[in-house]
Amino acid sequence: MKRVLLVMMMLALAWALLGMEEGGKEGSIPYDKFEKPKRCGTSCHENIYRQWEQAMMSQCYTHKWDEIEYFDLAVAHANADPAFEGVKAACDGCHAPLSYLAGDNPPPRPSEGSRANESVSCDVCHTITGFEGDTPFNFNWTIEPGRVKYGPREGAESPHHTTKKSDFLSTTEFCGTCHNEKSDFGAWVKATQIEWKEGPYAEEGVHCQECHMTQGPMTTAKGEPVREDAWMHLFHGAHDPGKVRGTIEVRIHPDLRMTEPGGLLKFTCALFNQKTGHKFPTGSVEDRIVWLHVEATDADGNSYHLPVDKKGFDGEEYTIAADVLAYQDMEVPLGLDDFEGIQRDGVPYGDRIFRMPYFDPQGRMTIMQWNTKSFGPDYRIGPKETKTEHFTFEIPFEAAPGEMTVTATLNYKKLVEPVGKFLDVPAEEYETIVVNSHSTTVEILP
């Protein structure tokens, strides 16, 4: 009996040690256990490498806004408040997994050229074996770097490494290990894969990879013929204007085709999410801003802004652009006393904003996701959802008679502009991208 118990204890210890190694915990695997992506790209997988190096997967540590957010806000917040010490490594778990695994947290800044700059590299994704628990989130992937590389095909051969087929690589759970995230307060600050799972595309079997890693003809390795169904390593998403444009269909129409100055017109704008398998916007929702701007232009070229009609739901004030301040919790990492905050929206007052506001423990709107405890209304556009917005317009008496054109434009920024300017983020990070627009006309009588 003692011998059996001893054997069982040894097996349990062995499994525990194996799990610890494969689980990829902080500080468990040194940098040199992973191949450098340039070696993969220049020796064999040239096309895949060139696609990857232009995608955000290769830049999620070196990207300028990510650098500012990490060092000037997250790391600085942890240094100012020990309760947030874990943020230093937690960000790296997805943005710089090699440094996380090596225990190099925080790693050197991108300008110093450390291996953290490899961001999410080839050898990270292709040595992930699964995930721990029931829900993929907060980099709970398991990883086993070494000679075996996992791919989507059966029977693939390489002179450099052993290749094995991995069904996990083609699942949404694979993506969810980083694209779902929960703060220390228990708030789902990223839930892209969860949104997909709760939406219509999950039932249809359309996965993340089919939209963000489309298949087409390409040579995937030197000496191999063109594969008609090669997986493109483009990872185009929120940072790709071409992916964002056209995501939402926009149509606007009036209740009447003609009126006279002083008359009332009511415009209805329908917005249909035709492209995303998750909500729009998604991911770092605290950073993003999507807003609907409606403007009328009379026959003489005079322009008039149409504010959105209120619907009256709880928290609606966060979904209509206004002259208010927010983001006061930045005072801690930035070392500011009596910080009143900065302009919340940076878009024309009265425009409808499609967002989910993040709140800190004090109930203030925040862009620091690790400091998020609760949320306001989720007023984003879900997959295959249509939202309608109404605009009541009293025609100005000075409006010129003739044809008036009314245009609805849906705009998108990766980062709220006042935040970008305040933190000295490069302007391209908060450039306006037009998602879609549509115009209608009405006749203004003399």
Protein backbone atom coordinates (compact mmCIF):
# COMPACT_ATOMS: atom_id res chain seq x y z
CA MET A 1 0.00 0.00 0.00
CA LYS A 2 2.82 2.38 0.87
CA ARG A 3 4.49 1.58 -2.47
CA VAL A 4 1.27 2.42 -4.34
CA LEU A 5 0.90 5.69 -2.46
CA LEU A 6 4.53 6.57 -3.20
CA VAL A 7 4.06 5.88 -6.91
CA MET A 8 0.87 7.97 -6.94
CA MET A 9 2.66 10.86 -5.21
CA MET A 10 5.53 10.71 -7.69
CA LEU A 11 3.11 10.69 -10.61
CA ALA A 12 1.23 13.64 -9.14
CA LEU A 13 4.49 15.55 -8.71
CA ALA A 14 5.55 14.73 -12.26
CA TRP A 15 2.23 15.93 -13.66
CA ALA A 16 2.44 19.09 -11.57
CA LEU A 17 5.93 19.85 -12.84
CA LEU A 18 4.87 19.14 -16.40
CA GLY A 19 1.89 21.42 -16.05
CA MET A 20 4.10 24.14 -14.61
CA GLU A 21 6.45 23.91 -17.57
CA GLU A 22 3.74 23.74 -20.22
CA GLY A 23 1.56 26.32 -18.54
CA GLY A 24 4.12 28.96 -19.33
CA LYS A 25 4.14 30.77 -16.01
CA GLU A 26 6.01 33.98 -15.37
CA GLY A 27 9.76 33.43 -15.30
CA SER A 28 9.53 29.74 -16.25
CA ILE A 29 11.08 29.79 -19.75
CA PRO A 30 14.17 31.78 -20.81
CA TYR A 31 14.34 33.77 -24.04
CA ASP A 32 16.72 31.34 -25.74
CA LYS A 33 14.12 28.59 -25.78
CA PHE A 34 12.33 30.46 -28.57
CA GLU A 35 13.40 30.92 -32.18
CA LYS A 36 13.66 34.48 -33.43
CA PRO A 37 10.97 35.31 -36.01
CA LYS A 38 13.56 36.61 -38.48
CA ARG A 39 15.09 33.15 -38.61
CA CYS A 40 11.72 31.63 -39.48
CA GLY A 41 11.10 34.29 -42.10
CA THR A 42 14.44 34.47 -43.86
CA SER A 43 15.23 30.77 -43.87
CA CYS A 44 11.90 29.30 -44.92
CA HIS A 45 8.57 31.06 -44.41
CA GLU A 46 9.23 34.31 -46.29
CA ASN A 47 5.67 35.23 -47.30
CA ILE A 48 4.23 34.48 -43.89
CA TYR A 49 7.00 36.44 -42.19
CA ARG A 50 6.53 39.51 -44.42
CA GLN A 51 2.82 39.53 -43.66
CA TRP A 52 3.43 39.11 -39.92
CA GLU A 53 6.01 41.92 -39.71
CA GLN A 54 3.43 44.37 -41.10
CA ALA A 55 0.69 43.19 -38.74
CA MET A 56 -0.01 44.33 -35.19
CA MET A 57 1.06 40.88 -33.91
CA SER A 58 4.65 41.93 -34.59
CA GLN A 59 4.16 45.39 -33.08
CA CYS A 60 1.97 44.95 -30.01
CA TYR A 61 4.92 45.72 -27.74
CA THR A 62 6.71 48.31 -29.91
CA HIS A 63 3.55 50.15 -31.04
CA LYS A 64 3.88 53.72 -29.74
CA TRP A 65 0.51 54.00 -27.98
CA ASP A 66 1.04 50.61 -26.33
CA GLU A 67 4.46 51.77 -25.13
CA ILE A 68 3.02 54.97 -23.66
CA GLU A 69 0.09 53.18 -22.07
CA TYR A 70 2.32 50.50 -20.58
CA PHE A 71 5.25 52.54 -19.24
CA ASP A 72 3.66 55.94 -18.55
CA LEU A 73 0.38 54.61 -17.15
CA ALA A 74 0.41 50.91 -16.21
CA VAL A 75 3.97 50.55 -14.89
CA ALA A 76 3.86 54.01 -13.34
CA HIS A 77 0.55 53.12 -11.66
CA ALA A 78 2.10 49.93 -10.25
CA ASN A 79 5.08 51.89 -8.94
CA ALA A 80 2.76 54.39 -7.26
CA ASP A 81 0.34 51.81 -5.85
CA PRO A 82 1.68 48.33 -4.90
CA ALA A 83 -1.85 46.92 -5.31
CA PHE A 84 -1.26 47.07 -9.07
CA GLU A 85 2.19 45.43 -9.06
CA GLY A 86 0.87 42.51 -11.10
CA VAL A 87 0.06 44.78 -14.02
CA LYS A 88 3.72 44.90 -15.02
CA ALA A 89 3.74 41.23 -15.97
CA ALA A 90 0.05 40.95 -16.88
CA CYS A 91 0.36 43.32 -19.83
CA ASP A 92 3.41 41.43 -21.09
CA GLY A 93 1.54 38.11 -21.01
CA CYS A 94 -0.11 39.11 -24.28
CA HIS A 95 1.91 42.06 -25.59
CA ALA A 96 5.39 40.66 -24.92
CA PRO A 97 4.95 36.97 -24.03
CA LEU A 98 8.66 36.15 -24.35
CA SER A 99 9.57 38.68 -21.67
CA TYR A 100 6.69 37.47 -19.50
CA LEU A 101 7.88 33.87 -19.74
CA ALA A 102 11.47 34.94 -19.12
CA GLY A 103 10.46 36.92 -16.02
CA ASP A 104 11.75 40.11 -17.63
CA ASN A 105 8.92 42.33 -16.39
CA PRO A 106 8.87 45.15 -17.14
CA PRO A 107 11.19 44.62 -20.09
CA PRO A 108 13.37 47.38 -21.53
CA ARG A 109 11.66 50.03 -23.61
CA PRO A 110 11.39 49.24 -27.34
CA SER A 111 14.22 51.66 -28.17
CA GLU A 112 16.65 49.33 -26.38
CA GLY A 113 16.00 46.50 -28.83
CA SER A 114 15.44 43.59 -26.42
CA ARG A 115 13.69 40.38 -27.41
CA ALA A 116 10.49 41.79 -25.96
CA ASN A 117 10.32 43.68 -29.26
CA GLU A 118 9.41 40.42 -31.00
CA SER A 119 5.93 40.91 -29.54
CA VAL A 120 3.75 37.91 -30.48
CA SER A 121 6.22 35.94 -32.56
CA CYS A 122 5.99 32.83 -34.75
CA ASP A 123 7.42 30.54 -32.09
CA VAL A 124 4.93 31.70 -29.48
CA CYS A 125 1.78 30.89 -31.43
CA HIS A 126 3.16 27.73 -32.98
CA THR A 127 4.23 26.16 -29.67
CA ILE A 128 0.99 26.87 -27.77
CA THR A 129 -0.69 23.58 -26.92
CA GLY A 130 -3.99 24.60 -25.32
CA PHE A 131 -5.34 26.59 -22.39
CA GLU A 132 -6.07 26.07 -18.72
CA GLY A 133 -9.57 26.16 -17.26
CA ASP A 134 -12.97 26.51 -18.88
CA THR A 135 -12.69 30.00 -20.38
CA PRO A 136 -9.79 31.40 -22.41
CA PHE A 137 -8.64 34.72 -20.96
CA ASN A 138 -5.65 36.55 -19.44
CA PHE A 139 -3.03 34.55 -21.41
CA ASN A 140 -4.02 31.23 -19.80
CA TRP A 141 -2.52 29.39 -22.75
CA THR A 142 -0.20 26.45 -22.22
CA ILE A 143 3.03 26.45 -24.15
CA GLU A 144 5.84 24.01 -24.89
CA PRO A 145 8.70 25.57 -26.86
CA GLY A 146 11.06 23.20 -28.59
CA ARG A 147 11.57 21.29 -31.79
CA VAL A 148 7.87 20.54 -32.27
CA LYS A 149 5.93 23.30 -34.06
CA TYR A 150 2.16 23.09 -34.27
CA GLY A 151 0.29 23.97 -37.43
CA PRO A 152 -3.12 23.54 -39.07
CA ARG A 153 -2.15 20.69 -41.45
CA GLU A 154 -1.64 16.99 -41.21
CA GLY A 155 1.60 15.58 -42.62
CA ALA A 156 3.53 18.83 -43.09
CA GLU A 157 7.30 18.30 -43.16
CA SER A 158 10.25 20.57 -42.45
CA PRO A 159 14.02 19.99 -42.48
CA HIS A 160 14.40 22.27 -39.45
CA HIS A 161 11.70 21.14 -37.02
CA THR A 162 9.05 18.55 -36.34
CA THR A 163 5.57 19.63 -37.39
CA LYS A 164 2.37 18.40 -35.78
CA LYS A 165 -1.23 19.22 -36.57
CA SER A 166 -3.05 21.17 -33.87
CA ASP A 167 -6.82 21.45 -33.91
CA PHE A 168 -6.55 24.06 -31.15
CA LEU A 169 -4.82 26.49 -33.50
CA SER A 170 -8.03 26.79 -35.53
CA THR A 171 -10.34 27.47 -32.59
CA THR A 172 -11.62 30.78 -31.28
CA GLU A 173 -10.42 29.75 -27.83
CA PHE A 174 -6.86 30.05 -29.15
CA CYS A 175 -7.53 33.74 -29.89
CA GLY A 176 -9.54 34.18 -26.70
CA THR A 177 -6.56 33.50 -24.46
CA CYS A 178 -5.47 37.06 -25.19
CA HIS A 179 -8.55 38.70 -26.68
CA ASN A 180 -10.54 38.06 -23.52
CA GLU A 181 -9.28 39.84 -20.43
CA LYS A 182 -10.55 40.29 -16.90
CA SER A 183 -9.29 43.01 -14.55
CA ASP A 184 -8.33 42.32 -10.95
CA PHE A 185 -11.75 43.74 -10.05
CA GLY A 186 -13.43 40.95 -12.01
CA ALA A 187 -14.51 43.17 -14.95
CA TRP A 188 -14.30 41.77 -18.49
CA VAL A 189 -12.25 44.60 -19.99
CA LYS A 190 -11.79 42.64 -23.24
CA ALA A 191 -14.33 40.06 -24.36
CA THR A 192 -14.02 39.75 -28.13
CA GLN A 193 -14.11 35.94 -28.22
CA ILE A 194 -16.93 35.88 -25.66
CA GLU A 195 -18.89 38.34 -27.81
CA TRP A 196 -18.37 36.03 -30.78
CA LYS A 197 -19.52 33.02 -28.76
CA GLU A 198 -22.73 34.82 -27.76
CA GLY A 199 -23.39 36.06 -31.31
CA PRO A 200 -24.82 34.52 -34.50
CA TYR A 201 -21.54 33.55 -36.15
CA ALA A 202 -20.70 30.98 -33.48
CA GLU A 203 -23.80 29.01 -34.45
CA GLU A 204 -22.81 29.28 -38.11
CA GLY A 205 -19.30 27.98 -37.38
CA VAL A 206 -17.53 31.12 -38.65
CA HIS A 207 -14.35 31.52 -36.58
CA CYS A 208 -11.99 34.44 -35.91
CA GLN A 209 -9.37 33.06 -38.28
CA GLU A 210 -11.73 33.07 -41.26
CA CYS A 211 -12.02 36.88 -41.10
CA HIS A 212 -8.63 37.88 -39.66
CA MET A 213 -6.48 35.17 -41.31
CA THR A 214 -8.22 34.69 -44.62
CA GLN A 215 -7.26 31.79 -46.89
CA GLY A 216 -5.95 32.10 -50.41
CA PRO A 217 -3.21 30.97 -52.82
CA MET A 218 0.29 31.46 -51.47
CA THR A 219 3.59 29.66 -51.03
CA THR A 220 3.98 29.08 -47.29
CA ALA A 221 7.54 27.71 -47.34
CA LYS A 222 10.55 27.68 -49.64
CA GLY A 223 10.52 24.87 -52.17
CA GLU A 224 6.83 24.17 -51.71
CA PRO A 225 4.17 24.62 -54.39
CA VAL A 226 1.48 27.27 -54.03
CA ARG A 227 -1.25 26.21 -51.63
CA GLU A 228 -4.70 27.34 -52.71
CA ASP A 229 -5.91 27.48 -49.11
CA ALA A 230 -2.93 29.01 -47.31
CA TRP A 231 -3.71 30.92 -44.13
CA MET A 232 -2.69 34.56 -44.52
CA HIS A 233 -0.90 36.00 -41.48
CA LEU A 234 -2.40 39.47 -41.93
CA PHE A 235 -4.30 39.69 -38.64
CA HIS A 236 -6.12 42.75 -39.99
CA GLY A 237 -8.50 44.27 -37.46
CA ALA A 238 -9.04 47.43 -35.42
CA HIS A 239 -5.73 48.99 -36.55
CA ASP A 240 -6.36 48.43 -40.25
CA PRO A 241 -8.39 51.21 -41.93
CA GLY A 242 -9.23 48.85 -44.79
CA LYS A 243 -10.78 46.41 -42.36
CA VAL A 244 -12.71 49.09 -40.49
CA ARG A 245 -14.15 50.83 -43.55
CA GLY A 246 -17.52 49.48 -44.54
CA THR A 247 -17.95 47.49 -41.33
CA ILE A 248 -21.27 49.21 -40.63
CA GLU A 249 -23.84 50.04 -43.31
CA VAL A 250 -25.36 53.51 -42.88
CA ARG A 251 -28.66 54.72 -44.35
CA ILE A 252 -30.60 57.88 -43.54
CA HIS A 253 -34.08 59.01 -44.65
CA PRO A 254 -36.52 61.86 -43.80
CA ASP A 255 -40.15 61.59 -42.74
CA LEU A 256 -41.09 64.29 -45.28
CA ARG A 257 -39.55 65.23 -48.62
CA MET A 258 -40.35 68.94 -48.42
CA THR A 259 -41.01 71.64 -45.85
CA GLU A 260 -40.50 75.35 -45.36
CA PRO A 261 -38.23 77.31 -42.98
CA GLY A 262 -39.41 76.83 -39.42
CA GLY A 263 -40.84 73.41 -40.24
CA LEU A 264 -39.82 70.20 -38.47
CA LEU A 265 -38.22 67.23 -40.17
CA LYS A 266 -37.41 63.94 -38.53
CA PHE A 267 -34.57 61.87 -39.93
CA THR A 268 -34.04 58.21 -39.15
CA CYS A 269 -30.59 56.68 -39.51
CA ALA A 270 -30.20 52.90 -39.60
CA LEU A 271 -26.81 51.33 -38.86
CA PHE A 272 -26.33 47.65 -39.66
CA ASN A 273 -23.26 45.67 -38.53
CA GLN A 274 -22.63 43.58 -41.61
CA LYS A 275 -18.99 42.52 -41.12
CA THR A 276 -17.91 41.77 -37.56
CA GLY A 277 -18.48 38.54 -35.66
CA HIS A 278 -18.28 40.52 -32.44
CA LYS A 279 -19.45 43.93 -31.29
CA PHE A 280 -18.21 47.10 -32.94
CA PRO A 281 -16.05 48.49 -31.51
CA THR A 282 -14.45 45.64 -29.58
CA GLY A 283 -11.19 44.88 -27.80
CA SER A 284 -9.76 47.93 -26.05
CA VAL A 285 -13.16 49.59 -25.92
CA GLU A 286 -11.94 52.15 -23.40
CA ASP A 287 -9.58 53.54 -26.06
CA ARG A 288 -11.83 53.41 -29.11
CA ILE A 289 -14.48 55.92 -30.08
CA VAL A 290 -17.12 55.46 -32.79
CA TRP A 291 -19.59 58.28 -33.40
CA LEU A 292 -22.38 59.24 -35.78
CA HIS A 293 -22.31 62.78 -37.15
CA VAL A 294 -25.28 64.19 -39.12
CA GLU A 295 -25.01 67.45 -41.03
CA ALA A 296 -27.37 69.32 -43.35
CA THR A 297 -26.19 71.56 -46.19
CA ASP A 298 -28.61 73.94 -47.87
CA ALA A 299 -28.66 75.10 -51.49
CA ASP A 300 -26.27 77.97 -50.73
CA GLY A 301 -23.74 75.69 -49.02
CA ASN A 302 -24.57 76.64 -45.43
CA SER A 303 -24.09 73.77 -42.98
CA TYR A 304 -26.14 72.84 -39.92
CA HIS A 305 -25.26 70.21 -37.31
CA LEU A 306 -28.06 67.86 -36.21
CA PRO A 307 -27.70 66.53 -32.62
CA VAL A 308 -29.14 63.08 -31.96
CA ASP A 309 -32.54 62.69 -30.27
CA LYS A 310 -32.26 61.22 -26.78
CA LYS A 311 -33.77 57.79 -26.15
CA GLY A 312 -33.89 58.01 -22.36
CA PHE A 313 -32.06 54.84 -21.28
CA ASP A 314 -29.94 54.68 -18.14
CA GLY A 315 -26.44 56.02 -18.67
CA GLU A 316 -27.29 57.52 -22.05
CA GLU A 317 -25.30 60.62 -21.18
CA TYR A 318 -22.12 58.60 -21.81
CA THR A 319 -23.25 57.87 -25.38
CA ILE A 320 -23.84 61.48 -26.45
CA ALA A 321 -20.81 63.72 -26.93
CA ALA A 322 -20.77 66.52 -24.38
CA ASP A 323 -18.56 69.18 -22.79
CA VAL A 324 -17.50 67.08 -19.79
CA LEU A 325 -14.20 65.95 -18.26
CA ALA A 326 -13.06 62.39 -17.58
CA TYR A 327 -10.02 60.16 -16.99
CA GLN A 328 -9.16 61.76 -13.65
CA ASP A 329 -7.55 58.52 -12.41
CA MET A 330 -4.53 59.24 -14.61
CA GLU A 331 -3.43 61.57 -11.83
CA VAL A 332 -1.93 58.63 -9.90
CA PRO A 333 0.50 57.25 -12.52
CA LEU A 334 1.27 60.72 -13.88
CA GLY A 335 1.89 62.17 -10.42
CA LEU A 336 -0.57 65.03 -10.85
CA ASP A 337 -2.20 66.77 -7.91
CA ASP A 338 -5.83 67.92 -8.10
CA PHE A 339 -6.12 66.69 -11.69
CA GLU A 340 -9.53 67.70 -13.03
CA GLY A 341 -9.35 65.42 -16.06
CA ILE A 342 -9.50 66.09 -19.79
CA GLN A 343 -12.27 66.36 -22.37
CA ARG A 344 -14.06 63.02 -22.49
CA ASP A 345 -14.95 62.66 -26.17
CA GLY A 346 -13.23 65.08 -28.53
CA VAL A 347 -16.06 64.86 -31.10
CA PRO A 348 -18.89 67.33 -31.93
CA TYR A 349 -21.26 67.80 -29.01
CA GLY A 350 -24.59 66.07 -29.55
CA ASP A 351 -23.24 63.26 -31.74
CA ARG A 352 -24.19 59.69 -30.83
CA ILE A 353 -21.28 57.59 -29.54
CA PHE A 354 -21.29 53.81 -29.77
CA ARG A 355 -19.29 52.77 -26.72
CA MET A 356 -19.23 51.00 -23.39
CA PRO A 357 -17.75 53.34 -20.76
CA TYR A 358 -15.26 51.88 -18.27
CA PHE A 359 -15.39 53.09 -14.66
CA ASP A 360 -12.67 53.07 -12.01
CA PRO A 361 -13.37 52.07 -8.36
CA GLN A 362 -14.46 55.67 -7.68
CA GLY A 363 -17.02 55.57 -10.48
CA ARG A 364 -15.08 57.85 -12.83
CA MET A 365 -14.68 57.10 -16.51
CA THR A 366 -11.25 55.63 -17.23
CA ILE A 367 -9.07 54.52 -20.12
CA MET A 368 -6.91 52.41 -17.78
CA GLN A 369 -8.44 48.97 -18.19
CA TRP A 370 -6.52 47.46 -15.27
CA ASN A 371 -8.20 50.08 -13.06
CA THR A 372 -11.69 49.17 -14.29
CA LYS A 373 -14.24 47.94 -11.76
CA SER A 374 -17.55 48.47 -13.56
CA PHE A 375 -19.14 49.57 -16.82
CA GLY A 376 -21.80 51.94 -18.10
CA PRO A 377 -24.33 50.97 -20.76
CA ASP A 378 -23.04 48.74 -23.54
CA TYR A 379 -24.18 50.82 -26.49
CA ARG A 380 -22.11 49.17 -29.19
CA ILE A 381 -23.39 47.57 -32.40
CA GLY A 382 -23.55 43.79 -32.18
CA PRO A 383 -22.97 41.34 -35.05
CA LYS A 384 -25.88 41.47 -37.53
CA GLU A 385 -27.55 44.08 -35.31
CA THR A 386 -29.29 47.19 -36.64
CA LYS A 387 -29.47 50.30 -34.48
CA THR A 388 -31.68 53.25 -35.41
CA GLU A 389 -31.03 56.84 -34.41
CA HIS A 390 -33.40 59.79 -34.84
CA PHE A 391 -32.65 63.44 -35.52
CA THR A 392 -35.35 66.11 -35.21
CA PHE A 393 -34.41 69.20 -37.20
CA GLU A 394 -36.19 72.55 -37.16
CA ILE A 395 -35.32 74.14 -40.47
CA PRO A 396 -33.60 77.50 -39.78
CA PHE A 397 -35.42 80.55 -41.17
CA GLU A 398 -32.18 81.59 -42.88
CA ALA A 399 -31.91 78.27 -44.75
CA ALA A 400 -31.77 78.81 -48.52
CA PRO A 401 -34.71 77.52 -50.55
CA GLY A 402 -34.02 74.56 -52.80
CA GLU A 403 -32.46 71.16 -52.26
CA MET A 404 -30.96 70.47 -48.83
CA THR A 405 -28.59 67.52 -48.49
CA VAL A 406 -28.43 65.67 -45.17
CA THR A 407 -25.44 63.35 -44.64
CA ALA A 408 -24.89 60.80 -41.88
CA THR A 409 -21.28 59.79 -41.32
CA LEU A 410 -20.06 57.09 -38.97
CA ASN A 411 -16.50 57.80 -37.78
CA TYR A 412 -13.94 55.77 -35.86
CA LYS A 413 -10.77 56.56 -33.92
CA LYS A 414 -8.45 53.98 -32.37
CA LEU A 415 -7.85 56.36 -29.47
CA VAL A 416 -9.91 59.19 -28.01
CA GLU A 417 -8.24 62.32 -29.39
CA PRO A 418 -8.00 64.38 -26.16
CA VAL A 419 -6.24 61.43 -24.51
CA GLY A 420 -3.84 61.10 -27.42
CA LYS A 421 -2.95 64.77 -27.38
CA PHE A 422 -2.61 64.93 -23.60
CA LEU A 423 -0.21 61.96 -23.53
CA ASP A 424 1.72 63.11 -26.63
CA VAL A 425 0.71 60.08 -28.69
CA PRO A 426 1.55 60.31 -32.42
CA ALA A 427 -1.37 61.86 -34.32
CA GLU A 428 -1.83 58.84 -36.58
CA GLU A 429 -3.03 56.91 -33.54
CA TYR A 430 -6.13 59.09 -33.27
CA GLU A 431 -6.76 59.90 -36.92
CA THR A 432 -10.40 59.84 -38.02
CA ILE A 433 -11.38 56.88 -40.18
CA VAL A 434 -14.71 57.12 -41.98
CA VAL A 435 -16.50 53.81 -41.51
CA ASN A 436 -19.39 54.68 -43.82
CA SER A 437 -21.71 57.50 -44.83
CA HIS A 438 -24.99 58.09 -46.64
CA SER A 439 -26.89 61.14 -47.85
CA THR A 440 -30.51 62.00 -48.50
CA THR A 441 -32.22 65.17 -49.75
CA VAL A 442 -35.22 67.32 -48.86
CA GLU A 443 -36.75 70.33 -50.61
CA ILE A 444 -36.88 73.60 -48.69
CA LEU A 445 -39.74 75.71 -49.97
CA PRO A 446 -39.37 79.49 -50.42
